[in-house]
Amino acid sequence: MRGELENTEHDAALAHAIVRAADQLRFDNRPGSLDRQCTLGLFVAALSDRLALEFPRAAMALHELVFAPVTTGNPVEREV
């Protein structure tokens, strides 16, 4: 399946940001476990920093998910 995907410039840049963000994290925990979910939380924080370089709106949306005021709705819906 991997070879069948179209590789656009934006997709390649995003994939590179994901790889760089995951470089320093440990994924030696059970898939789907609470430990893996905590690692993914750290990953999102690291990815947000990487995204800010080439995808500032996406990075801001991730930032809003973490730091937006309490809401019963989607905290980034109004931002996108």
PDB file of N, CA and C in Angstrom:
ATOM      1  N   MET A   1       0.826  -1.198   0.000  1.00  0.00           N
ATOM      2  CA  MET A   1       0.000   0.000   0.000  1.00  0.00           C
ATOM      3  C   MET A   1       0.862   1.250   0.000  1.00  0.00           C
ATOM      4  N   ARG A   2       1.960   1.208   0.730  1.00  0.00           N
ATOM      5  CA  ARG A   2       2.814   2.375   0.855  1.00  0.00           C
ATOM      6  C   ARG A   2       3.298   2.888  -0.504  1.00  0.00           C
ATOM      7  N   GLY A   3       3.658   1.999  -1.397  1.00  0.00           N
ATOM      8  CA  GLY A   3       4.147   2.399  -2.709  1.00  0.00           C
ATOM      9  C   GLY A   3       3.082   2.995  -3.595  1.00  0.00           C
ATOM     10  N   GLU A   4       1.798   2.752  -3.265  1.00  0.00           N
ATOM     11  CA  GLU A   4       0.699   3.241  -4.079  1.00  0.00           C
ATOM     12  C   GLU A   4       0.291   4.669  -3.739  1.00  0.00           C
ATOM     13  N   LEU A   5       0.755   5.188  -2.620  1.00  0.00           N
ATOM     14  CA  LEU A   5       0.352   6.524  -2.201  1.00  0.00           C
ATOM     15  C   LEU A   5       1.035   7.590  -3.039  1.00  0.00           C
ATOM     16  N   GLU A   6       0.271   8.607  -3.402  1.00  0.00           N
ATOM     17  CA  GLU A   6       0.839   9.733  -4.127  1.00  0.00           C
ATOM     18  C   GLU A   6       1.624  10.596  -3.148  1.00  0.00           C
ATOM     19  N   ASN A   7       2.816  10.980  -3.521  1.00  0.00           N
ATOM     20  CA  ASN A   7       3.685  11.753  -2.642  1.00  0.00           C
ATOM     21  C   ASN A   7       3.728  13.200  -3.113  1.00  0.00           C
ATOM     22  N   THR A   8       2.957  14.067  -2.465  1.00  0.00           N
ATOM     23  CA  THR A   8       2.986  15.479  -2.798  1.00  0.00           C
ATOM     24  C   THR A   8       4.052  16.169  -1.955  1.00  0.00           C
ATOM     25  N   GLU A   9       4.402  17.362  -2.325  1.00  0.00           N
ATOM     26  CA  GLU A   9       5.402  18.123  -1.573  1.00  0.00           C
ATOM     27  C   GLU A   9       4.950  18.353  -0.127  1.00  0.00           C
ATOM     28  N   HIS A  10       3.676  18.699   0.048  1.00  0.00           N
ATOM     29  CA  HIS A  10       3.165  18.940   1.398  1.00  0.00           C
ATOM     30  C   HIS A  10       3.132  17.652   2.213  1.00  0.00           C
ATOM     31  N   ASP A  11       2.746  16.557   1.570  1.00  0.00           N
ATOM     32  CA  ASP A  11       2.705  15.274   2.259  1.00  0.00           C
ATOM     33  C   ASP A  11       4.105  14.864   2.698  1.00  0.00           C
ATOM     34  N   ALA A  12       5.081  15.059   1.833  1.00  0.00           N
ATOM     35  CA  ALA A  12       6.468  14.716   2.172  1.00  0.00           C
ATOM     36  C   ALA A  12       6.972  15.579   3.328  1.00  0.00           C
ATOM     37  N   ALA A  13       6.636  16.863   3.331  1.00  0.00           N
ATOM     38  CA  ALA A  13       7.063  17.755   4.414  1.00  0.00           C
ATOM     39  C   ALA A  13       6.410  17.344   5.733  1.00  0.00           C
ATOM     40  N   LEU A  14       5.141  16.985   5.691  1.00  0.00           N
ATOM     41  CA  LEU A  14       4.450  16.556   6.901  1.00  0.00           C
ATOM     42  C   LEU A  14       5.014  15.226   7.402  1.00  0.00           C
ATOM     43  N   ALA A  15       5.267  14.301   6.494  1.00  0.00           N
ATOM     44  CA  ALA A  15       5.856  13.015   6.890  1.00  0.00           C
ATOM     45  C   ALA A  15       7.223  13.230   7.538  1.00  0.00           C
ATOM     46  N   HIS A  16       8.011  14.136   6.985  1.00  0.00           N
ATOM     47  CA  HIS A  16       9.326  14.447   7.552  1.00  0.00           C
ATOM     48  C   HIS A  16       9.169  15.031   8.963  1.00  0.00           C
ATOM     49  N   ALA A  17       8.198  15.912   9.160  1.00  0.00           N
ATOM     50  CA  ALA A  17       7.957  16.499  10.483  1.00  0.00           C
ATOM     51  C   ALA A  17       7.557  15.414  11.486  1.00  0.00           C
ATOM     52  N   ILE A  18       6.754  14.465  11.046  1.00  0.00           N
ATOM     53  CA  ILE A  18       6.331  13.371  11.929  1.00  0.00           C
ATOM     54  C   ILE A  18       7.523  12.519  12.334  1.00  0.00           C
ATOM     55  N   VAL A  19       8.361  12.169  11.368  1.00  0.00           N
ATOM     56  CA  VAL A  19       9.545  11.356  11.670  1.00  0.00           C
ATOM     57  C   VAL A  19      10.462  12.085  12.638  1.00  0.00           C
ATOM     58  N   ARG A  20      10.711  13.365  12.415  1.00  0.00           N
ATOM     59  CA  ARG A  20      11.586  14.142  13.295  1.00  0.00           C
ATOM     60  C   ARG A  20      10.986  14.258  14.689  1.00  0.00           C
ATOM     61  N   ALA A  21       9.672  14.455  14.780  1.00  0.00           N
ATOM     62  CA  ALA A  21       9.027  14.596  16.084  1.00  0.00           C
ATOM     63  C   ALA A  21       9.085  13.299  16.886  1.00  0.00           C
ATOM     64  N   ALA A  22       9.071  12.171  16.208  1.00  0.00           N
ATOM     65  CA  ALA A  22       9.065  10.870  16.893  1.00  0.00           C
ATOM     66  C   ALA A  22      10.465  10.365  17.214  1.00  0.00           C
ATOM     67  N   ASP A  23      11.488  11.017  16.685  1.00  0.00           N
ATOM     68  CA  ASP A  23      12.869  10.555  16.858  1.00  0.00           C
ATOM     69  C   ASP A  23      13.280  10.308  18.304  1.00  0.00           C
ATOM     70  N   GLN A  24      12.934  11.171  19.209  1.00  0.00           N
ATOM     71  CA  GLN A  24      13.421  11.095  20.578  1.00  0.00           C
ATOM     72  C   GLN A  24      12.460  10.404  21.542  1.00  0.00           C
ATOM     73  N   LEU A  25      11.350   9.899  21.018  1.00  0.00           N
ATOM     74  CA  LEU A  25      10.357   9.269  21.889  1.00  0.00           C
ATOM     75  C   LEU A  25      10.492   7.755  21.891  1.00  0.00           C
ATOM     76  N   ARG A  26      10.062   7.146  22.981  1.00  0.00           N
ATOM     77  CA  ARG A  26      10.116   5.690  23.105  1.00  0.00           C
ATOM     78  C   ARG A  26       8.763   5.095  22.739  1.00  0.00           C
ATOM     79  N   PHE A  27       8.787   4.114  21.881  1.00  0.00           N
ATOM     80  CA  PHE A  27       7.572   3.419  21.491  1.00  0.00           C
ATOM     81  C   PHE A  27       7.670   1.937  21.855  1.00  0.00           C
ATOM     82  N   ASP A  28       8.410   1.634  22.931  1.00  0.00           N
ATOM     83  CA  ASP A  28       8.602   0.247  23.353  1.00  0.00           C
ATOM     84  C   ASP A  28       7.548  -0.153  24.389  1.00  0.00           C
ATOM     85  N   ASN A  29       6.324   0.258  24.129  1.00  0.00           N
ATOM     86  CA  ASN A  29       5.219  -0.107  24.996  1.00  0.00           C
ATOM     87  C   ASN A  29       4.115  -0.746  24.141  1.00  0.00           C
ATOM     88  N   ARG A  30       3.204  -1.417  24.809  1.00  0.00           N
ATOM     89  CA  ARG A  30       2.169  -2.166  24.103  1.00  0.00           C
ATOM     90  C   ARG A  30       1.286  -1.244  23.265  1.00  0.00           C
ATOM     91  N   PRO A  31       1.040  -1.579  21.999  1.00  0.00           N
ATOM     92  CA  PRO A  31       0.143  -0.776  21.168  1.00  0.00           C
ATOM     93  C   PRO A  31      -1.227  -0.622  21.827  1.00  0.00           C
ATOM     94  N   GLY A  32      -1.730   0.589  21.849  1.00  0.00           N
ATOM     95  CA  GLY A  32      -3.031   0.865  22.423  1.00  0.00           C
ATOM     96  C   GLY A  32      -3.039   1.029  23.938  1.00  0.00           C
ATOM     97  N   SER A  33      -1.897   0.825  24.579  1.00  0.00           N
ATOM     98  CA  SER A  33      -1.832   0.928  26.038  1.00  0.00           C
ATOM     99  C   SER A  33      -1.864   2.382  26.491  1.00  0.00           C
ATOM    100  N   LEU A  34      -2.112   2.580  27.786  1.00  0.00           N
ATOM    101  CA  LEU A  34      -2.085   3.922  28.351  1.00  0.00           C
ATOM    102  C   LEU A  34      -0.695   4.546  28.182  1.00  0.00           C
ATOM    103  N   ASP A  35       0.359   3.734  28.351  1.00  0.00           N
ATOM    104  CA  ASP A  35       1.727   4.236  28.145  1.00  0.00           C
ATOM    105  C   ASP A  35       1.921   4.732  26.712  1.00  0.00           C
ATOM    106  N   ARG A  36       1.396   3.994  25.736  1.00  0.00           N
ATOM    107  CA  ARG A  36       1.522   4.412  24.334  1.00  0.00           C
ATOM    108  C   ARG A  36       0.739   5.697  24.101  1.00  0.00           C
ATOM    109  N   GLN A  37      -0.417   5.818  24.724  1.00  0.00           N
ATOM    110  CA  GLN A  37      -1.202   7.039  24.567  1.00  0.00           C
ATOM    111  C   GLN A  37      -0.492   8.236  25.185  1.00  0.00           C
ATOM    112  N   CYS A  38       0.184   8.045  26.302  1.00  0.00           N
ATOM    113  CA  CYS A  38       0.976   9.127  26.902  1.00  0.00           C
ATOM    114  C   CYS A  38       2.124   9.521  25.974  1.00  0.00           C
ATOM    115  N   THR A  39       2.755   8.532  25.372  1.00  0.00           N
ATOM    116  CA  THR A  39       3.824   8.813  24.406  1.00  0.00           C
ATOM    117  C   THR A  39       3.276   9.607  23.230  1.00  0.00           C
ATOM    118  N   LEU A  40       2.097   9.254  22.765  1.00  0.00           N
ATOM    119  CA  LEU A  40       1.495   9.983  21.650  1.00  0.00           C
ATOM    120  C   LEU A  40       1.157  11.422  22.032  1.00  0.00           C
ATOM    121  N   GLY A  41       0.817  11.649  23.300  1.00  0.00           N
ATOM    122  CA  GLY A  41       0.601  13.017  23.771  1.00  0.00           C
ATOM    123  C   GLY A  41       1.879  13.834  23.674  1.00  0.00           C
ATOM    124  N   LEU A  42       2.989  13.252  24.080  1.00  0.00           N
ATOM    125  CA  LEU A  42       4.288  13.924  23.939  1.00  0.00           C
ATOM    126  C   LEU A  42       4.629  14.131  22.472  1.00  0.00           C
ATOM    127  N   PHE A  43       4.273  13.141  21.662  1.00  0.00           N
ATOM    128  CA  PHE A  43       4.521  13.236  20.230  1.00  0.00           C
ATOM    129  C   PHE A  43       3.787  14.429  19.614  1.00  0.00           C
ATOM    130  N   VAL A  44       2.535  14.605  19.992  1.00  0.00           N
ATOM    131  CA  VAL A  44       1.758  15.725  19.445  1.00  0.00           C
ATOM    132  C   VAL A  44       2.398  17.060  19.820  1.00  0.00           C
ATOM    133  N   ALA A  45       2.892  17.170  21.041  1.00  0.00           N
ATOM    134  CA  ALA A  45       3.569  18.397  21.464  1.00  0.00           C
ATOM    135  C   ALA A  45       4.827  18.632  20.622  1.00  0.00           C
ATOM    136  N   ALA A  46       5.600  17.578  20.399  1.00  0.00           N
ATOM    137  CA  ALA A  46       6.811  17.711  19.584  1.00  0.00           C
ATOM    138  C   ALA A  46       6.455  17.996  18.131  1.00  0.00           C
ATOM    139  N   LEU A  47       5.417  17.360  17.630  1.00  0.00           N
ATOM    140  CA  LEU A  47       4.993  17.581  16.250  1.00  0.00           C
ATOM    141  C   LEU A  47       4.531  19.019  16.053  1.00  0.00           C
ATOM    142  N   SER A  48       3.841  19.555  17.028  1.00  0.00           N
ATOM    143  CA  SER A  48       3.366  20.931  16.935  1.00  0.00           C
ATOM    144  C   SER A  48       4.525  21.896  16.718  1.00  0.00           C
ATOM    145  N   ASP A  49       5.617  21.676  17.436  1.00  0.00           N
ATOM    146  CA  ASP A  49       6.802  22.527  17.253  1.00  0.00           C
ATOM    147  C   ASP A  49       7.360  22.395  15.846  1.00  0.00           C
ATOM    148  N   ARG A  50       7.412  21.182  15.328  1.00  0.00           N
ATOM    149  CA  ARG A  50       7.911  20.958  13.968  1.00  0.00           C
ATOM    150  C   ARG A  50       6.985  21.556  12.921  1.00  0.00           C
ATOM    151  N   LEU A  51       5.685  21.406  13.133  1.00  0.00           N
ATOM    152  CA  LEU A  51       4.717  21.918  12.170  1.00  0.00           C
ATOM    153  C   LEU A  51       4.778  23.434  12.048  1.00  0.00           C
ATOM    154  N   ALA A  52       5.104  24.103  13.130  1.00  0.00           N
ATOM    155  CA  ALA A  52       5.128  25.567  13.124  1.00  0.00           C
ATOM    156  C   ALA A  52       6.068  26.107  12.047  1.00  0.00           C
ATOM    157  N   LEU A  53       7.055  25.334  11.662  1.00  0.00           N
ATOM    158  CA  LEU A  53       8.010  25.784  10.657  1.00  0.00           C
ATOM    159  C   LEU A  53       7.392  25.879   9.265  1.00  0.00           C
ATOM    160  N   GLU A  54       6.577  24.887   8.887  1.00  0.00           N
ATOM    161  CA  GLU A  54       6.029  24.864   7.532  1.00  0.00           C
ATOM    162  C   GLU A  54       4.510  24.897   7.486  1.00  0.00           C
ATOM    163  N   PHE A  55       3.863  24.608   8.602  1.00  0.00           N
ATOM    164  CA  PHE A  55       2.406  24.546   8.654  1.00  0.00           C
ATOM    165  C   PHE A  55       1.913  25.326   9.875  1.00  0.00           C
ATOM    166  N   PRO A  56       2.042  26.637   9.865  1.00  0.00           N
ATOM    167  CA  PRO A  56       1.714  27.422  11.062  1.00  0.00           C
ATOM    168  C   PRO A  56       0.246  27.319  11.487  1.00  0.00           C
ATOM    169  N   ARG A  57      -0.687  27.208  10.551  1.00  0.00           N
ATOM    170  CA  ARG A  57      -2.100  27.093  10.928  1.00  0.00           C
ATOM    171  C   ARG A  57      -2.372  25.755  11.600  1.00  0.00           C
ATOM    172  N   ALA A  58      -1.761  24.686  11.113  1.00  0.00           N
ATOM    173  CA  ALA A  58      -1.930  23.372  11.728  1.00  0.00           C
ATOM    174  C   ALA A  58      -1.324  23.376  13.130  1.00  0.00           C
ATOM    175  N   ALA A  59      -0.177  23.989  13.281  1.00  0.00           N
ATOM    176  CA  ALA A  59       0.469  24.071  14.593  1.00  0.00           C
ATOM    177  C   ALA A  59      -0.393  24.868  15.566  1.00  0.00           C
ATOM    178  N   MET A  60      -0.991  25.942  15.084  1.00  0.00           N
ATOM    179  CA  MET A  60      -1.852  26.751  15.949  1.00  0.00           C
ATOM    180  C   MET A  60      -3.094  25.962  16.357  1.00  0.00           C
ATOM    181  N   ALA A  61      -3.635  25.150  15.461  1.00  0.00           N
ATOM    182  CA  ALA A  61      -4.796  24.329  15.804  1.00  0.00           C
ATOM    183  C   ALA A  61      -4.438  23.339  16.911  1.00  0.00           C
ATOM    184  N   LEU A  62      -3.274  22.707  16.826  1.00  0.00           N
ATOM    185  CA  LEU A  62      -2.841  21.797  17.881  1.00  0.00           C
ATOM    186  C   LEU A  62      -2.633  22.553  19.193  1.00  0.00           C
ATOM    187  N   HIS A  63      -2.061  23.737  19.095  1.00  0.00           N
ATOM    188  CA  HIS A  63      -1.854  24.573  20.288  1.00  0.00           C
ATOM    189  C   HIS A  63      -3.200  24.888  20.957  1.00  0.00           C
ATOM    190  N   GLU A  64      -4.187  25.223  20.167  1.00  0.00           N
ATOM    191  CA  GLU A  64      -5.502  25.556  20.708  1.00  0.00           C
ATOM    192  C   GLU A  64      -6.149  24.356  21.385  1.00  0.00           C
ATOM    193  N   LEU A  65      -5.918  23.142  20.868  1.00  0.00           N
ATOM    194  CA  LEU A  65      -6.474  21.954  21.513  1.00  0.00           C
ATOM    195  C   LEU A  65      -5.967  21.805  22.937  1.00  0.00           C
ATOM    196  N   VAL A  66      -4.736  22.231  23.169  1.00  0.00           N
ATOM    197  CA  VAL A  66      -4.136  22.101  24.499  1.00  0.00           C
ATOM    198  C   VAL A  66      -4.483  23.290  25.390  1.00  0.00           C
ATOM    199  N   PHE A  67      -4.438  24.502  24.838  1.00  0.00           N
ATOM    200  CA  PHE A  67      -4.508  25.702  25.676  1.00  0.00           C
ATOM    201  C   PHE A  67      -5.793  26.528  25.543  1.00  0.00           C
ATOM    202  N   ALA A  68      -6.759  26.077  24.760  1.00  0.00           N
ATOM    203  CA  ALA A  68      -8.015  26.827  24.629  1.00  0.00           C
ATOM    204  C   ALA A  68      -8.794  26.766  25.945  1.00  0.00           C
ATOM    205  N   PRO A  69      -9.626  27.766  26.197  1.00  0.00           N
ATOM    206  CA  PRO A  69     -10.460  27.737  27.403  1.00  0.00           C
ATOM    207  C   PRO A  69     -11.389  26.516  27.399  1.00  0.00           C
ATOM    208  N   VAL A  70     -11.885  26.181  28.564  1.00  0.00           N
ATOM    209  CA  VAL A  70     -12.820  25.065  28.704  1.00  0.00           C
ATOM    210  C   VAL A  70     -14.018  25.296  27.787  1.00  0.00           C
ATOM    211  N   THR A  71     -14.426  24.239  27.099  1.00  0.00           N
ATOM    212  CA  THR A  71     -15.557  24.327  26.187  1.00  0.00           C
ATOM    213  C   THR A  71     -16.228  22.973  26.074  1.00  0.00           C
ATOM    214  N   THR A  72     -17.498  22.967  25.727  1.00  0.00           N
ATOM    215  CA  THR A  72     -18.183  21.697  25.484  1.00  0.00           C
ATOM    216  C   THR A  72     -18.122  21.324  24.009  1.00  0.00           C
ATOM    217  N   GLY A  73     -17.611  22.231  23.185  1.00  0.00           N
ATOM    218  CA  GLY A  73     -17.504  21.980  21.748  1.00  0.00           C
ATOM    219  C   GLY A  73     -16.058  21.781  21.333  1.00  0.00           C
ATOM    220  N   ASN A  74     -15.844  21.865  20.068  1.00  0.00           N
ATOM    221  CA  ASN A  74     -14.508  21.719  19.494  1.00  0.00           C
ATOM    222  C   ASN A  74     -13.755  23.028  19.645  1.00  0.00           C
ATOM    223  N   PRO A  75     -12.648  23.063  20.390  1.00  0.00           N
ATOM    224  CA  PRO A  75     -11.960  24.333  20.657  1.00  0.00           C
ATOM    225  C   PRO A  75     -11.281  24.942  19.438  1.00  0.00           C
ATOM    226  N   VAL A  76     -11.070  24.175  18.392  1.00  0.00           N
ATOM    227  CA  VAL A  76     -10.392  24.744  17.214  1.00  0.00           C
ATOM    228  C   VAL A  76     -11.325  24.979  16.046  1.00  0.00           C
ATOM    229  N   GLU A  77     -12.565  24.596  16.175  1.00  0.00           N
ATOM    230  CA  GLU A  77     -13.506  24.747  15.060  1.00  0.00           C
ATOM    231  C   GLU A  77     -13.605  26.191  14.572  1.00  0.00           C
ATOM    232  N   ARG A  78     -13.581  27.130  15.488  1.00  0.00           N
ATOM    233  CA  ARG A  78     -13.695  28.543  15.112  1.00  0.00           C
ATOM    234  C   ARG A  78     -12.404  29.089  14.525  1.00  0.00           C
ATOM    235  N   GLU A  79     -11.291  28.399  14.719  1.00  0.00           N
ATOM    236  CA  GLU A  79      -9.986  28.898  14.277  1.00  0.00           C
ATOM    237  C   GLU A  79      -9.633  28.518  12.845  1.00  0.00           C
ATOM    238  N   VAL A  80     -10.180  27.409  12.349  1.00  0.00           N
ATOM    239  CA  VAL A  80      -9.768  26.883  11.047  1.00  0.00           C
ATOM    240  C   VAL A  80     -10.506  27.540   9.934  1.00  0.00           C
TER     241      VAL A  80
END
